C-alpha cells in the first residue's frame, strides 16, 4: 500500500491526483514506470509565479515497485523486510535501517539519463529547467538532488523538484484526462 505523503507547507498549495488516466498520461508505462499504481501529489506556490520558481511533486510508490525503481533511478539495491530496510551503497556497503515510526531514509543522486528513461521526457525537462538543476549542471554535476527516494516505515515515495511553469503544465496534464 502507499505511504502517507507529507502535508503542504504554508507557501505551497497541496493537490493530490488520484485519477489513473491523468497519471498515465504524464508517466507513460513505456518510460519504465510501473503500470501506474502511484498516488501523485504536487505542491504549487500559493502566491503565484513570482513567489517561487519551484514546485514539488511526490510520487507514493506501491510496495511491489520500490526495489525496481531504486535500482533504475539510483543504481542501488533496496530490500524491505517487516523490521528493516537494507540498502546497498554505491561503494558496495550494506546499510541496515530499522523501520521505526520516526525512521526516514533519503536516497538522492540520480543521473539525468535515468530520470529521462524512468520518469519520461516531460519530467526530465521540468527538472532540468528548474534553478537547482541548472546550477548543478553549471557546476558539472552529473547526478542531481532534484530527485530523491524516501524510505519510511510505511513504504517509499519519490520527491521531484521541478521548474514552476513546467510543473504547472504537468499539473494541467494530470487534471485533463479527456
Protein backbone atom coordinates (compact mmCIF):
# COMPACT_ATOMS: atom_id res chain seq x y z
CA UNK A 1 0.00 0.00 0.00
CA UNK A 2 1.04 3.62 -0.40
CA UNK A 3 2.82 5.62 2.31
CA UNK A 4 1.17 8.81 3.51
CA UNK A 5 2.50 11.90 1.72
CA UNK A 6 3.51 14.87 3.85
CA UNK A 7 1.35 18.00 4.05
CA UNK A 8 1.99 21.12 2.02
CA UNK A 9 4.00 23.96 3.51
CA UNK A 10 2.40 27.33 4.19
CA UNK A 11 3.83 28.68 0.92
CA UNK A 12 2.53 25.84 -1.26
CA UNK A 13 -0.89 24.56 -2.18
CA UNK A 14 -1.26 20.80 -1.91
CA UNK A 15 -3.03 18.96 -4.74
CA UNK A 16 -3.33 15.18 -4.87
CA UNK A 17 -4.15 13.31 -8.05
CA UNK A 18 -5.97 10.02 -7.88
CA UNK A 19 -7.14 9.82 -11.49
CA UNK A 20 -5.25 6.96 -13.10
CA UNK A 21 -5.83 8.25 -16.64
CA UNK A 22 -4.20 11.61 -15.84
CA UNK A 23 -1.24 9.94 -14.16
CA UNK A 24 -0.77 7.52 -17.05
CA UNK A 25 -0.82 10.47 -19.48
CA UNK A 26 2.22 12.01 -17.77
CA UNK A 27 4.00 8.84 -16.66
CA UNK A 28 3.78 6.61 -19.70
CA UNK A 29 4.49 2.95 -18.91
CA UNK A 30 6.97 2.87 -21.79
CA UNK A 31 9.31 5.05 -19.71
CA UNK A 32 9.97 2.24 -17.26
CA UNK A 33 7.50 3.25 -14.61
CA UNK A 34 5.11 0.65 -13.26
CA UNK A 35 1.68 0.26 -14.77
CA UNK A 36 0.96 3.22 -12.62
CA UNK A 37 -0.26 2.42 -9.20
CA UNK A 38 1.06 5.59 -7.60
CA UNK A 39 -0.52 8.44 -5.75
CA UNK A 40 0.81 11.74 -7.13
CA UNK A 41 0.87 14.95 -5.13
CA UNK A 42 2.07 18.28 -6.45
CA UNK A 43 2.72 21.44 -4.44
CA UNK A 44 2.27 24.75 -6.26
CA UNK A 45 3.07 28.14 -4.66
CA UNK A 46 0.00 29.87 -3.22
CA UNK A 47 1.22 33.33 -4.16
CA UNK A 48 1.65 32.93 -7.89
CA UNK A 49 4.55 32.55 -10.26
CA UNK A 50 6.64 35.38 -8.79
CA UNK A 51 6.73 33.89 -5.28
CA UNK A 52 8.80 30.85 -6.19
CA UNK A 53 10.39 29.32 -9.23
CA UNK A 54 9.96 25.76 -7.94
CA UNK A 55 7.19 23.30 -7.39
CA UNK A 56 7.41 19.92 -5.78
CA UNK A 57 5.92 16.60 -6.76
CA UNK A 58 5.77 13.47 -4.65
CA UNK A 59 5.00 10.02 -6.01
CA UNK A 60 3.94 7.42 -3.46
CA UNK A 61 5.28 4.11 -4.71
CA UNK A 62 3.45 0.83 -4.47
CA UNK A 63 5.45 -1.66 -2.37
CA UNK A 64 5.98 -4.06 -5.27
CA UNK A 65 7.82 -1.36 -7.27
CA UNK A 66 10.24 0.00 -4.64
CA UNK A 67 13.15 -2.33 -5.39
CA UNK A 68 12.90 -1.89 -9.18
CA UNK A 69 12.65 1.91 -9.01
CA UNK A 70 15.56 2.19 -6.55
CA UNK A 71 17.69 0.16 -8.97
CA UNK A 72 16.55 2.06 -12.08
CA UNK A 73 16.81 5.59 -10.65
CA UNK A 74 19.55 5.35 -8.05
CA UNK A 75 21.51 2.29 -9.14
CA UNK A 76 21.04 0.96 -5.60
CA UNK A 77 19.73 -2.30 -4.25
CA UNK A 78 16.96 -1.78 -1.68
CA UNK A 79 15.23 -4.59 0.18
CA UNK A 80 12.33 -4.23 2.58
CA UNK A 81 11.52 -6.58 5.44
CA UNK A 82 8.91 -6.05 8.17
CA UNK A 83 11.65 -4.78 10.51
CA UNK A 84 14.32 -3.16 8.31
CA UNK A 85 15.37 -1.52 5.06
CA UNK A 86 18.54 -2.99 3.56
CA UNK A 87 20.31 -0.55 1.25
CA UNK A 88 23.44 -1.20 -0.78
CA UNK A 89 25.54 1.95 -1.13
CA UNK A 90 27.37 2.97 -4.30
CA UNK A 91 30.57 1.80 -2.60
CA UNK A 92 29.10 -1.69 -2.09
CA UNK A 93 28.43 -1.47 1.64
CA UNK A 94 25.17 -2.76 3.08
CA UNK A 95 23.28 -0.35 5.33
CA UNK A 96 20.57 -1.64 7.66
CA UNK A 97 17.94 0.92 8.70
CA UNK A 98 15.24 -0.09 11.18
CA UNK A 99 11.69 0.63 10.02
CA UNK A 100 10.54 2.65 13.04
CA UNK A 101 7.85 5.32 13.25
CA UNK A 102 10.49 8.04 13.15
CA UNK A 103 12.78 6.41 10.58
CA UNK A 104 13.17 8.09 7.23
CA UNK A 105 15.98 7.49 4.77
CA UNK A 106 16.53 9.85 1.83
CA UNK A 107 18.41 8.47 -1.17
CA UNK A 108 19.48 11.05 -3.76
CA UNK A 109 21.93 11.42 -6.61
CA UNK A 110 20.03 10.43 -9.73
CA UNK A 111 21.74 10.74 -13.13
CA UNK A 112 19.88 12.65 -15.84
CA UNK A 113 19.64 9.72 -18.22
CA UNK A 114 17.88 7.63 -15.54
CA UNK A 115 15.36 10.44 -14.98
CA UNK A 116 14.55 10.57 -18.67
CA UNK A 117 14.36 6.79 -19.02
CA UNK A 118 12.28 6.11 -15.91
CA UNK A 119 10.17 9.24 -15.43
CA UNK A 120 9.88 10.34 -19.06
CA UNK A 121 10.86 13.40 -21.10
CA UNK A 122 8.29 15.80 -19.57
CA UNK A 123 9.52 15.26 -16.02
CA UNK A 124 13.15 15.24 -17.22
CA UNK A 125 12.84 18.66 -18.86
CA UNK A 126 10.79 20.09 -15.95
CA UNK A 127 13.62 19.11 -13.60
CA UNK A 128 16.38 20.40 -15.93
CA UNK A 129 14.67 23.77 -16.36
CA UNK A 130 14.47 24.33 -12.60
CA UNK A 131 17.03 26.61 -10.93
CA UNK A 132 18.53 23.91 -8.71
CA UNK A 133 19.29 21.54 -11.58
CA UNK A 134 20.55 24.38 -13.79
CA UNK A 135 23.01 25.31 -11.05
CA UNK A 136 24.10 21.67 -10.71
CA UNK A 137 24.64 21.43 -14.48
CA UNK A 138 26.64 24.69 -14.47
CA UNK A 139 28.90 23.10 -11.84
CA UNK A 140 29.29 19.95 -13.96
CA UNK A 141 27.32 17.68 -11.62
CA UNK A 142 26.04 14.57 -13.40
CA UNK A 143 23.77 13.40 -10.56
CA UNK A 144 21.01 15.59 -9.14
CA UNK A 145 19.42 16.10 -5.77
CA UNK A 146 16.20 17.16 -7.55
CA UNK A 147 15.06 13.53 -7.49
CA UNK A 148 15.17 11.57 -4.27
CA UNK A 149 13.61 8.41 -2.92
CA UNK A 150 12.47 8.45 0.69
CA UNK A 151 12.03 5.21 2.56
CA UNK A 152 9.76 5.33 5.60
CA UNK A 153 8.17 2.85 7.95
CA UNK A 154 5.11 2.63 5.71
CA UNK A 155 6.76 2.47 2.29
CA UNK A 156 8.53 4.75 -0.15
CA UNK A 157 7.97 7.83 -2.25
CA UNK A 158 9.89 9.77 -4.86
CA UNK A 159 10.29 13.54 -4.46
CA UNK A 160 10.80 15.74 -7.51
CA UNK A 161 11.86 19.38 -7.59
CA UNK A 162 10.51 20.93 -10.81
CA UNK A 163 10.59 24.25 -12.61
CA UNK A 164 7.38 26.02 -11.59
CA UNK A 165 5.96 26.75 -15.03
CA UNK A 166 6.72 23.22 -16.26
CA UNK A 167 5.29 21.78 -13.04
CA UNK A 168 2.11 23.76 -13.64
CA UNK A 169 1.90 22.35 -17.19
CA UNK A 170 2.30 18.83 -15.80
CA UNK A 171 -0.43 19.51 -13.22
CA UNK A 172 -2.73 20.58 -16.06
CA UNK A 173 -1.97 17.34 -17.92
CA UNK A 174 -2.72 15.35 -14.77
CA UNK A 175 -6.10 17.06 -14.46
CA UNK A 176 -7.10 16.90 -18.14
CA UNK A 177 -7.90 13.25 -18.61
CA UNK A 178 -10.04 13.53 -21.72
